[in-house]
Every structure is written in structure tokens, then in C-alpha cells.
Amino acid sequence: MNTLYDVQQLLKKHGTIIYTRDTQLDLELMEEEIRELHNWKMVETSVFLQALLIIQKEKHGHM
């Protein structure tokens, strides 16, 4: 997993599509969803951490 698109595909695989037309809100919702998937043990810790890193980079790149 290297891009935000990869994170979106991971979420989509688990039935979640996020698009609000507000990039910052989308990133917040994606982070919340990936945390929930990790809490429910539906994604491995390494995948979770990589996804968080990508989301954080996007958040700081769009401010």
C-alpha cells in the first residue's frame, strides 16, 4: 500500500466508500474507518499503520 487510492481500495474491499467532496473530511472519515477495521481485527497492524501514514501525509499535504 503506497497511495491514498490504495487506502480507498482497502476500505472499498470492506464495504466502505467515502466521498463527501471535502478532502479533509474524507481523510478524517477514512482514518476513523481504518481504525475501526483494526479494532475489529479485520486488518493487520502493519496494514493499519501504513494506511494511517498515508492518510497523515495526505492531511498535511492538503492544508
N, C-alpha and C. Protein backbone atom coordinates (compact mmCIF):
# COMPACT_ATOMS: atom_id res chain seq x y z
N MET A 1 0.86 -1.17 0.00
CA MET A 1 0.00 0.00 0.00
C MET A 1 0.90 1.23 0.00
N ASN A 2 0.72 2.07 -1.04
CA ASN A 2 1.59 3.23 -1.19
C ASN A 2 0.86 4.55 -1.39
N THR A 3 -0.40 4.51 -1.77
CA THR A 3 -1.12 5.74 -2.12
C THR A 3 -2.47 5.80 -1.42
N LEU A 4 -3.06 6.99 -1.46
CA LEU A 4 -4.40 7.15 -0.91
C LEU A 4 -5.39 6.27 -1.67
N TYR A 5 -5.17 6.12 -2.96
CA TYR A 5 -6.02 5.23 -3.75
C TYR A 5 -6.00 3.82 -3.18
N ASP A 6 -4.83 3.35 -2.77
CA ASP A 6 -4.72 2.02 -2.17
C ASP A 6 -5.53 1.93 -0.88
N VAL A 7 -5.50 2.99 -0.08
CA VAL A 7 -6.30 3.03 1.15
C VAL A 7 -7.78 2.97 0.79
N GLN A 8 -8.19 3.73 -0.21
CA GLN A 8 -9.58 3.73 -0.64
C GLN A 8 -10.00 2.34 -1.10
N GLN A 9 -9.12 1.64 -1.82
CA GLN A 9 -9.42 0.30 -2.29
C GLN A 9 -9.54 -0.68 -1.13
N LEU A 10 -8.71 -0.51 -0.11
CA LEU A 10 -8.80 -1.35 1.08
C LEU A 10 -10.15 -1.15 1.77
N LEU A 11 -10.54 0.12 1.93
CA LEU A 11 -11.84 0.40 2.55
C LEU A 11 -12.98 -0.14 1.71
N LYS A 12 -12.88 0.03 0.40
CA LYS A 12 -13.91 -0.47 -0.52
C LYS A 12 -14.05 -1.99 -0.39
N LYS A 13 -12.93 -2.67 -0.25
CA LYS A 13 -12.93 -4.13 -0.08
C LYS A 13 -13.75 -4.54 1.15
N HIS A 14 -13.78 -3.65 2.14
CA HIS A 14 -14.53 -3.92 3.37
C HIS A 14 -15.90 -3.23 3.37
N GLY A 15 -16.32 -2.75 2.21
CA GLY A 15 -17.67 -2.21 2.08
C GLY A 15 -17.83 -0.74 2.39
N THR A 16 -16.73 0.02 2.42
CA THR A 16 -16.81 1.43 2.76
C THR A 16 -16.32 2.29 1.61
N ILE A 17 -17.18 3.18 1.16
CA ILE A 17 -16.80 4.17 0.14
C ILE A 17 -17.04 5.54 0.75
N ILE A 18 -16.01 6.37 0.73
CA ILE A 18 -16.11 7.69 1.34
C ILE A 18 -15.85 8.74 0.27
N TYR A 19 -16.84 9.59 0.06
CA TYR A 19 -16.67 10.73 -0.84
C TYR A 19 -17.66 11.81 -0.45
N THR A 20 -17.16 12.91 0.10
CA THR A 20 -18.04 13.99 0.55
C THR A 20 -17.79 15.30 -0.20
N ARG A 21 -16.83 15.29 -1.13
CA ARG A 21 -16.37 16.49 -1.85
C ARG A 21 -15.52 17.40 -0.97
N ASP A 22 -15.28 17.01 0.26
CA ASP A 22 -14.44 17.77 1.19
C ASP A 22 -13.24 16.87 1.52
N THR A 23 -12.10 17.17 0.94
CA THR A 23 -10.93 16.30 1.08
C THR A 23 -10.55 16.06 2.53
N GLN A 24 -10.53 17.11 3.34
CA GLN A 24 -10.15 16.95 4.74
C GLN A 24 -11.15 16.06 5.49
N LEU A 25 -12.42 16.24 5.23
CA LEU A 25 -13.43 15.40 5.86
C LEU A 25 -13.29 13.96 5.40
N ASP A 26 -13.06 13.76 4.11
CA ASP A 26 -12.85 12.41 3.59
C ASP A 26 -11.69 11.73 4.31
N LEU A 27 -10.59 12.45 4.50
CA LEU A 27 -9.43 11.88 5.17
C LEU A 27 -9.74 11.54 6.63
N GLU A 28 -10.48 12.41 7.30
CA GLU A 28 -10.88 12.13 8.70
C GLU A 28 -11.75 10.86 8.77
N LEU A 29 -12.70 10.75 7.85
CA LEU A 29 -13.58 9.59 7.84
C LEU A 29 -12.82 8.31 7.50
N MET A 30 -11.88 8.41 6.57
CA MET A 30 -11.05 7.25 6.22
C MET A 30 -10.24 6.79 7.42
N GLU A 31 -9.67 7.75 8.14
CA GLU A 31 -8.89 7.40 9.32
C GLU A 31 -9.77 6.71 10.36
N GLU A 32 -10.93 7.24 10.57
CA GLU A 32 -11.86 6.64 11.53
C GLU A 32 -12.22 5.21 11.12
N GLU A 33 -12.49 5.02 9.85
CA GLU A 33 -12.86 3.69 9.35
C GLU A 33 -11.71 2.70 9.47
N ILE A 34 -10.51 3.12 9.12
CA ILE A 34 -9.37 2.20 9.20
C ILE A 34 -9.09 1.83 10.64
N ARG A 35 -9.30 2.78 11.57
CA ARG A 35 -9.14 2.47 12.99
C ARG A 35 -10.18 1.43 13.44
N GLU A 36 -11.40 1.59 12.98
CA GLU A 36 -12.45 0.62 13.33
C GLU A 36 -12.13 -0.76 12.78
N LEU A 37 -11.68 -0.82 11.54
CA LEU A 37 -11.31 -2.11 10.95
C LEU A 37 -10.19 -2.77 11.75
N HIS A 38 -9.25 -1.98 12.20
CA HIS A 38 -8.15 -2.53 13.01
C HIS A 38 -8.66 -2.98 14.37
N ASN A 39 -9.50 -2.19 14.99
CA ASN A 39 -10.07 -2.57 16.29
C ASN A 39 -10.84 -3.88 16.21
N TRP A 40 -11.50 -4.10 15.10
CA TRP A 40 -12.28 -5.32 14.90
C TRP A 40 -11.41 -6.45 14.33
N LYS A 41 -10.10 -6.21 14.25
CA LYS A 41 -9.13 -7.20 13.77
C LYS A 41 -9.41 -7.66 12.33
N MET A 42 -9.91 -6.72 11.53
CA MET A 42 -10.20 -7.02 10.13
C MET A 42 -9.04 -6.64 9.22
N VAL A 43 -8.09 -5.86 9.74
CA VAL A 43 -6.85 -5.56 9.02
C VAL A 43 -5.68 -5.75 9.98
N GLU A 44 -4.58 -6.21 9.44
CA GLU A 44 -3.38 -6.43 10.25
C GLU A 44 -2.79 -5.09 10.70
N THR A 45 -2.04 -5.15 11.76
CA THR A 45 -1.43 -3.94 12.31
C THR A 45 -0.52 -3.26 11.29
N SER A 46 0.24 -4.03 10.54
CA SER A 46 1.14 -3.42 9.54
C SER A 46 0.36 -2.66 8.47
N VAL A 47 -0.76 -3.21 8.04
CA VAL A 47 -1.61 -2.56 7.04
C VAL A 47 -2.23 -1.30 7.64
N PHE A 48 -2.71 -1.42 8.86
CA PHE A 48 -3.30 -0.30 9.59
C PHE A 48 -2.32 0.87 9.69
N LEU A 49 -1.09 0.56 10.11
CA LEU A 49 -0.09 1.61 10.29
C LEU A 49 0.30 2.26 8.96
N GLN A 50 0.42 1.46 7.92
CA GLN A 50 0.74 2.00 6.60
C GLN A 50 -0.38 2.92 6.12
N ALA A 51 -1.62 2.49 6.31
CA ALA A 51 -2.77 3.31 5.89
C ALA A 51 -2.79 4.63 6.66
N LEU A 52 -2.54 4.57 7.97
CA LEU A 52 -2.52 5.80 8.77
C LEU A 52 -1.42 6.75 8.30
N LEU A 53 -0.26 6.20 7.98
CA LEU A 53 0.84 7.02 7.49
C LEU A 53 0.46 7.73 6.19
N ILE A 54 -0.16 7.01 5.29
CA ILE A 54 -0.59 7.60 4.02
C ILE A 54 -1.63 8.69 4.25
N ILE A 55 -2.60 8.42 5.11
CA ILE A 55 -3.65 9.40 5.40
C ILE A 55 -3.03 10.65 6.04
N GLN A 56 -2.12 10.46 7.00
CA GLN A 56 -1.48 11.60 7.65
C GLN A 56 -0.69 12.45 6.66
N LYS A 57 0.03 11.80 5.75
CA LYS A 57 0.78 12.53 4.73
C LYS A 57 -0.16 13.35 3.86
N GLU A 58 -1.29 12.77 3.50
CA GLU A 58 -2.29 13.48 2.68
C GLU A 58 -2.87 14.67 3.44
N LYS A 59 -3.15 14.47 4.73
CA LYS A 59 -3.70 15.56 5.54
C LYS A 59 -2.75 16.75 5.57
N HIS A 60 -1.49 16.48 5.75
CA HIS A 60 -0.51 17.56 5.84
C HIS A 60 -0.20 18.15 4.48
N GLY A 61 -0.42 17.42 3.44
CA GLY A 61 -0.18 17.91 2.09
C GLY A 61 -1.32 18.77 1.57
N HIS A 62 -2.50 18.69 2.18
CA HIS A 62 -3.68 19.42 1.70
C HIS A 62 -4.08 20.56 2.61
N MET A 63 -3.21 20.93 3.54
CA MET A 63 -3.57 22.02 4.47
C MET A 63 -3.22 23.35 3.89
